[in-house]
Every structure is written in structure tokens, then in C-alpha cells.
């Protein structure tokens, strides 16, 4: 008979489960902390890229506003010319 089966027959399953949980909970917590630290480090390393992307978004919005304002000025200029032709003609 396998020694693990013998232990399983001698001890209640709850005790085995508890021992298993206790044995792995520490390493699992450490692994979780390591994963958290790794993600924090990656975010810190990538922070300049995130900042550059944020500035790119702001620049894009500013260019869109400027282009929109220029289109409005052109439209107003065309309307004024059209009205001026009507009044002078």
C-alpha cells in the first residue's frame, strides 16, 4: 500500500486539507506579493510612455479644436463675402 494512502486512512480528510492549506498558504501569499511588486515595477518603468500618451491625447484634442475653429472662420468669411456681393450687386 502507498504511504500516502496509509496517511489518508489514518487521518481525517479535514486534517489533511488543513495541513495542505497551511503548507501552501505562505508560499502562495509570497507569490501574490511578488506578482503585485512586479506589476508595480512594470507600471513605474512604463510611466514615461503613459505620460507621453496622455500628452499625445491632449495634443490631438487641441489640433481638432484648432482645425474646427479654422473651418468656422472660413465659413464665416465665405458668408460675409456672399452677403457683401449681394449688397454691392
Protein backbone atom coordinates (compact mmCIF):
# COMPACT_ATOMS: atom_id res chain seq x y z
CA UNK A 1 0.00 0.00 0.00
CA UNK A 2 1.14 3.53 -0.80
CA UNK A 3 2.34 5.56 2.23
CA UNK A 4 0.10 8.48 1.25
CA UNK A 5 -2.92 6.21 1.19
CA UNK A 6 -1.98 4.94 4.64
CA UNK A 7 -1.80 8.50 5.97
CA UNK A 8 -5.09 9.23 4.28
CA UNK A 9 -6.70 6.31 6.03
CA UNK A 10 -5.27 7.25 9.44
CA UNK A 11 -6.03 10.99 9.43
CA UNK A 12 -9.35 12.68 8.73
CA UNK A 13 -9.59 14.43 5.37
CA UNK A 14 -10.16 17.80 7.07
CA UNK A 15 -6.81 17.50 8.86
CA UNK A 16 -5.01 16.66 5.63
CA UNK A 17 -6.73 19.55 3.86
CA UNK A 18 -5.81 21.95 6.66
CA UNK A 19 -2.16 20.82 6.64
CA UNK A 20 -2.09 21.24 2.86
CA UNK A 21 -3.60 24.73 3.12
CA UNK A 22 -1.15 25.74 5.86
CA UNK A 23 1.83 24.43 3.92
CA UNK A 24 0.92 26.29 0.74
CA UNK A 25 -0.63 29.48 2.10
CA UNK A 26 2.72 31.14 2.90
CA UNK A 27 4.31 30.50 -0.49
CA UNK A 28 1.07 31.44 -2.24
CA UNK A 29 0.98 34.75 -0.37
CA UNK A 30 4.61 35.41 -1.21
CA UNK A 31 3.94 34.61 -4.86
CA UNK A 32 0.99 37.02 -4.79
CA UNK A 33 3.16 39.76 -3.27
CA UNK A 34 5.84 39.11 -5.88
CA UNK A 35 3.26 39.41 -8.65
CA UNK A 36 1.98 42.68 -7.19
CA UNK A 37 5.50 44.07 -6.91
CA UNK A 38 6.29 43.00 -10.48
CA UNK A 39 3.21 44.80 -11.79
CA UNK A 40 4.02 47.93 -9.80
CA UNK A 41 7.57 47.89 -11.17
CA UNK A 42 6.31 47.46 -14.73
CA UNK A 43 3.93 50.39 -14.29
CA UNK A 44 6.75 52.52 -12.90
CA UNK A 45 9.00 51.64 -15.83
CA UNK A 46 6.21 52.35 -18.32
CA UNK A 47 5.15 55.61 -16.66
CA UNK A 48 7.03 57.82 -19.17
CA UNK A 49 5.15 56.12 -22.00
CA UNK A 50 1.84 56.64 -20.23
CA UNK A 51 2.65 60.31 -19.70
CA UNK A 52 3.66 60.72 -23.35
CA UNK A 53 0.41 59.05 -24.44
CA UNK A 54 -1.59 61.44 -22.24
CA UNK A 55 0.17 64.42 -23.80
CA UNK A 56 -0.47 62.96 -27.25
CA UNK A 57 -4.20 62.77 -26.46
CA UNK A 58 -4.18 66.39 -25.31
CA UNK A 59 -2.28 67.48 -28.43
CA UNK A 60 -4.74 65.65 -30.66
CA UNK A 61 -7.72 67.36 -29.00
CA UNK A 62 -6.02 70.74 -29.30
CA UNK A 63 -5.37 70.17 -33.02
CA UNK A 64 -9.00 69.14 -33.53
CA UNK A 65 -10.22 72.30 -31.76
CA UNK A 66 -7.87 74.46 -33.84
CA UNK A 67 -8.97 72.85 -37.10
CA UNK A 68 -12.62 73.25 -36.13
CA UNK A 69 -12.08 76.92 -35.30
CA UNK A 70 -10.34 77.46 -38.64
CA UNK A 71 -13.23 75.82 -40.51
CA UNK A 72 -15.70 78.09 -38.69
CA UNK A 73 -13.66 81.17 -39.60
CA UNK A 74 -13.54 80.07 -43.24
CA UNK A 75 -17.29 79.51 -43.27
CA UNK A 76 -17.91 82.95 -41.74
CA UNK A 77 -15.57 84.53 -44.25
CA UNK A 78 -17.42 82.89 -47.15
CA UNK A 79 -20.78 84.03 -45.76
CA UNK A 80 -19.54 87.59 -45.39
CA UNK A 81 -18.26 87.63 -48.97
CA UNK A 82 -21.54 86.23 -50.19
CA UNK A 83 -23.51 88.87 -48.28
CA UNK A 84 -21.18 91.61 -49.48
CA UNK A 85 -21.74 90.55 -53.11
CA UNK A 86 -25.50 90.59 -52.61
CA UNK A 87 -25.46 94.09 -51.15
CA UNK A 88 -22.99 95.54 -53.64
CA UNK A 89 -24.52 93.88 -56.71
